[in-house]
Amino acid sequence: MANLTSDLFSRYLSLSLNRGMAKNLDFASRGRGSGLPRAD
């Protein structure tokens, strides 16, 4: 049972991480397009 729970949790964690990374990439590309100074 614990194995199943950890599998579901890791899957959920990777999903939320991917969503956050996509949001960051979208924000960065939008900032780049509008001519804002980049952080890097």
PDB file of N, CA and C in Angstrom:
ATOM      1  N   MET A   1       0.835  -1.201   0.000  1.00  0.00           N
ATOM      2  CA  MET A   1       0.000   0.000   0.000  1.00  0.00           C
ATOM      3  C   MET A   1       0.873   1.256   0.000  1.00  0.00           C
ATOM      4  N   ALA A   2       1.914   1.244   0.817  1.00  0.00           N
ATOM      5  CA  ALA A   2       2.790   2.409   0.887  1.00  0.00           C
ATOM      6  C   ALA A   2       3.494   2.633  -0.453  1.00  0.00           C
ATOM      7  N   ASN A   3       3.790   1.522  -1.141  1.00  0.00           N
ATOM      8  CA  ASN A   3       4.451   1.629  -2.432  1.00  0.00           C
ATOM      9  C   ASN A   3       3.550   2.350  -3.440  1.00  0.00           C
ATOM     10  N   LEU A   4       2.278   1.988  -3.452  1.00  0.00           N
ATOM     11  CA  LEU A   4       1.322   2.613  -4.357  1.00  0.00           C
ATOM     12  C   LEU A   4       1.186   4.094  -4.042  1.00  0.00           C
ATOM     13  N   THR A   5       1.138   4.432  -2.763  1.00  0.00           N
ATOM     14  CA  THR A   5       0.986   5.826  -2.364  1.00  0.00           C
ATOM     15  C   THR A   5       2.182   6.656  -2.814  1.00  0.00           C
ATOM     16  N   SER A   6       3.376   6.122  -2.625  1.00  0.00           N
ATOM     17  CA  SER A   6       4.570   6.870  -3.017  1.00  0.00           C
ATOM     18  C   SER A   6       4.633   7.025  -4.534  1.00  0.00           C
ATOM     19  N   ASP A   7       4.168   6.026  -5.264  1.00  0.00           N
ATOM     20  CA  ASP A   7       4.149   6.111  -6.722  1.00  0.00           C
ATOM     21  C   ASP A   7       3.203   7.211  -7.180  1.00  0.00           C
ATOM     22  N   LEU A   8       2.007   7.237  -6.597  1.00  0.00           N
ATOM     23  CA  LEU A   8       1.043   8.287  -6.933  1.00  0.00           C
ATOM     24  C   LEU A   8       1.588   9.656  -6.565  1.00  0.00           C
ATOM     25  N   PHE A   9       2.216   9.745  -5.410  1.00  0.00           N
ATOM     26  CA  PHE A   9       2.743  11.027  -4.948  1.00  0.00           C
ATOM     27  C   PHE A   9       3.850  11.532  -5.867  1.00  0.00           C
ATOM     28  N   SER A  10       4.756  10.644  -6.268  1.00  0.00           N
ATOM     29  CA  SER A  10       5.850  11.051  -7.153  1.00  0.00           C
ATOM     30  C   SER A  10       5.300  11.454  -8.524  1.00  0.00           C
ATOM     31  N   ARG A  11       4.264  10.759  -8.975  1.00  0.00           N
ATOM     32  CA  ARG A  11       3.660  11.120 -10.251  1.00  0.00           C
ATOM     33  C   ARG A  11       3.026  12.501 -10.169  1.00  0.00           C
ATOM     34  N   TYR A  12       2.331  12.765  -9.059  1.00  0.00           N
ATOM     35  CA  TYR A  12       1.704  14.071  -8.868  1.00  0.00           C
ATOM     36  C   TYR A  12       2.761  15.162  -8.765  1.00  0.00           C
ATOM     37  N   LEU A  13       3.870  14.849  -8.071  1.00  0.00           N
ATOM     38  CA  LEU A  13       4.941  15.819  -7.889  1.00  0.00           C
ATOM     39  C   LEU A  13       5.570  16.171  -9.234  1.00  0.00           C
ATOM     40  N   SER A  14       5.839  15.175 -10.060  1.00  0.00           N
ATOM     41  CA  SER A  14       6.441  15.443 -11.368  1.00  0.00           C
ATOM     42  C   SER A  14       5.480  16.221 -12.254  1.00  0.00           C
ATOM     43  N   LEU A  15       4.182  15.948 -12.148  1.00  0.00           N
ATOM     44  CA  LEU A  15       3.196  16.688 -12.924  1.00  0.00           C
ATOM     45  C   LEU A  15       3.186  18.157 -12.526  1.00  0.00           C
ATOM     46  N   SER A  16       3.166  18.446 -11.238  1.00  0.00           N
ATOM     47  CA  SER A  16       3.142  19.828 -10.778  1.00  0.00           C
ATOM     48  C   SER A  16       4.458  20.532 -11.099  1.00  0.00           C
ATOM     49  N   LEU A  17       5.577  19.798 -11.047  1.00  0.00           N
ATOM     50  CA  LEU A  17       6.865  20.385 -11.411  1.00  0.00           C
ATOM     51  C   LEU A  17       6.884  20.770 -12.880  1.00  0.00           C
ATOM     52  N   ASN A  18       6.393  19.862 -13.734  1.00  0.00           N
ATOM     53  CA  ASN A  18       6.345  20.150 -15.162  1.00  0.00           C
ATOM     54  C   ASN A  18       5.461  21.364 -15.442  1.00  0.00           C
ATOM     55  N   ARG A  19       4.342  21.457 -14.724  1.00  0.00           N
ATOM     56  CA  ARG A  19       3.444  22.584 -14.918  1.00  0.00           C
ATOM     57  C   ARG A  19       4.137  23.882 -14.518  1.00  0.00           C
ATOM     58  N   GLY A  20       4.858  23.848 -13.401  1.00  0.00           N
ATOM     59  CA  GLY A  20       5.567  25.041 -12.948  1.00  0.00           C
ATOM     60  C   GLY A  20       6.672  25.451 -13.905  1.00  0.00           C
ATOM     61  N   MET A  21       7.394  24.471 -14.443  1.00  0.00           N
ATOM     62  CA  MET A  21       8.458  24.776 -15.390  1.00  0.00           C
ATOM     63  C   MET A  21       7.883  25.370 -16.667  1.00  0.00           C
ATOM     64  N   ALA A  22       6.775  24.836 -17.136  1.00  0.00           N
ATOM     65  CA  ALA A  22       6.141  25.373 -18.341  1.00  0.00           C
ATOM     66  C   ALA A  22       5.684  26.805 -18.105  1.00  0.00           C
ATOM     67  N   LYS A  23       5.170  27.080 -16.896  1.00  0.00           N
ATOM     68  CA  LYS A  23       4.729  28.430 -16.578  1.00  0.00           C
ATOM     69  C   LYS A  23       5.913  29.389 -16.561  1.00  0.00           C
ATOM     70  N   ASN A  24       7.032  28.940 -15.987  1.00  0.00           N
ATOM     71  CA  ASN A  24       8.234  29.768 -15.947  1.00  0.00           C
ATOM     72  C   ASN A  24       8.764  30.037 -17.346  1.00  0.00           C
ATOM     73  N   LEU A  25       8.777  29.015 -18.197  1.00  0.00           N
ATOM     74  CA  LEU A  25       9.246  29.188 -19.567  1.00  0.00           C
ATOM     75  C   LEU A  25       8.341  30.153 -20.320  1.00  0.00           C
ATOM     76  N   ASP A  26       7.046  30.026 -20.135  1.00  0.00           N
ATOM     77  CA  ASP A  26       6.103  30.922 -20.791  1.00  0.00           C
ATOM     78  C   ASP A  26       6.329  32.356 -20.331  1.00  0.00           C
ATOM     79  N   PHE A  27       6.549  32.533 -19.043  1.00  0.00           N
ATOM     80  CA  PHE A  27       6.794  33.862 -18.486  1.00  0.00           C
ATOM     81  C   PHE A  27       8.091  34.452 -19.023  1.00  0.00           C
ATOM     82  N   ALA A  28       9.124  33.602 -19.126  1.00  0.00           N
ATOM     83  CA  ALA A  28      10.421  34.077 -19.612  1.00  0.00           C
ATOM     84  C   ALA A  28      10.333  34.485 -21.073  1.00  0.00           C
ATOM     85  N   SER A  29       9.666  33.685 -21.889  1.00  0.00           N
ATOM     86  CA  SER A  29       9.561  34.011 -23.312  1.00  0.00           C
ATOM     87  C   SER A  29       8.713  35.265 -23.507  1.00  0.00           C
ATOM     88  N   ARG A  30       7.702  35.448 -22.661  1.00  0.00           N
ATOM     89  CA  ARG A  30       6.878  36.650 -22.766  1.00  0.00           C
ATOM     90  C   ARG A  30       7.699  37.884 -22.406  1.00  0.00           C
ATOM     91  N   GLY A  31       8.492  37.758 -21.331  1.00  0.00           N
ATOM     92  CA  GLY A  31       9.338  38.873 -20.921  1.00  0.00           C
ATOM     93  C   GLY A  31      10.375  39.208 -21.983  1.00  0.00           C
ATOM     94  N   ARG A  32      10.924  38.181 -22.611  1.00  0.00           N
ATOM     95  CA  ARG A  32      11.924  38.384 -23.649  1.00  0.00           C
ATOM     96  C   ARG A  32      11.292  39.100 -24.850  1.00  0.00           C
ATOM     97  N   GLY A  33      10.061  38.708 -25.190  1.00  0.00           N
ATOM     98  CA  GLY A  33       9.400  39.301 -26.337  1.00  0.00           C
ATOM     99  C   GLY A  33       9.059  40.767 -26.126  1.00  0.00           C
ATOM    100  N   SER A  34       8.793  41.151 -24.883  1.00  0.00           N
ATOM    101  CA  SER A  34       8.411  42.538 -24.611  1.00  0.00           C
ATOM    102  C   SER A  34       9.622  43.423 -24.357  1.00  0.00           C
ATOM    103  N   GLY A  35      10.823  42.860 -24.422  1.00  0.00           N
ATOM    104  CA  GLY A  35      12.023  43.672 -24.288  1.00  0.00           C
ATOM    105  C   GLY A  35      12.450  43.933 -22.858  1.00  0.00           C
ATOM    106  N   LEU A  36      11.926  43.169 -21.907  1.00  0.00           N
ATOM    107  CA  LEU A  36      12.342  43.352 -20.520  1.00  0.00           C
ATOM    108  C   LEU A  36      13.732  42.758 -20.314  1.00  0.00           C
ATOM    109  N   PRO A  37      14.523  43.308 -19.397  1.00  0.00           N
ATOM    110  CA  PRO A  37      15.857  42.751 -19.125  1.00  0.00           C
ATOM    111  C   PRO A  37      15.757  41.359 -18.537  1.00  0.00           C
ATOM    112  N   ARG A  38      16.622  40.456 -18.991  1.00  0.00           N
ATOM    113  CA  ARG A  38      16.606  39.082 -18.497  1.00  0.00           C
ATOM    114  C   ARG A  38      17.424  38.956 -17.229  1.00  0.00           C
ATOM    115  N   ALA A  39      17.080  37.932 -16.428  1.00  0.00           N
ATOM    116  CA  ALA A  39      17.786  37.735 -15.156  1.00  0.00           C
ATOM    117  C   ALA A  39      19.142  37.079 -15.373  1.00  0.00           C
ATOM    118  N   ASP A  40      19.258  36.247 -16.442  1.00  0.00           N
ATOM    119  CA  ASP A  40      20.521  35.532 -16.628  1.00  0.00           C
ATOM    120  C   ASP A  40      21.547  36.467 -17.212  1.00  0.00           C
TER     121      ASP A  40
END
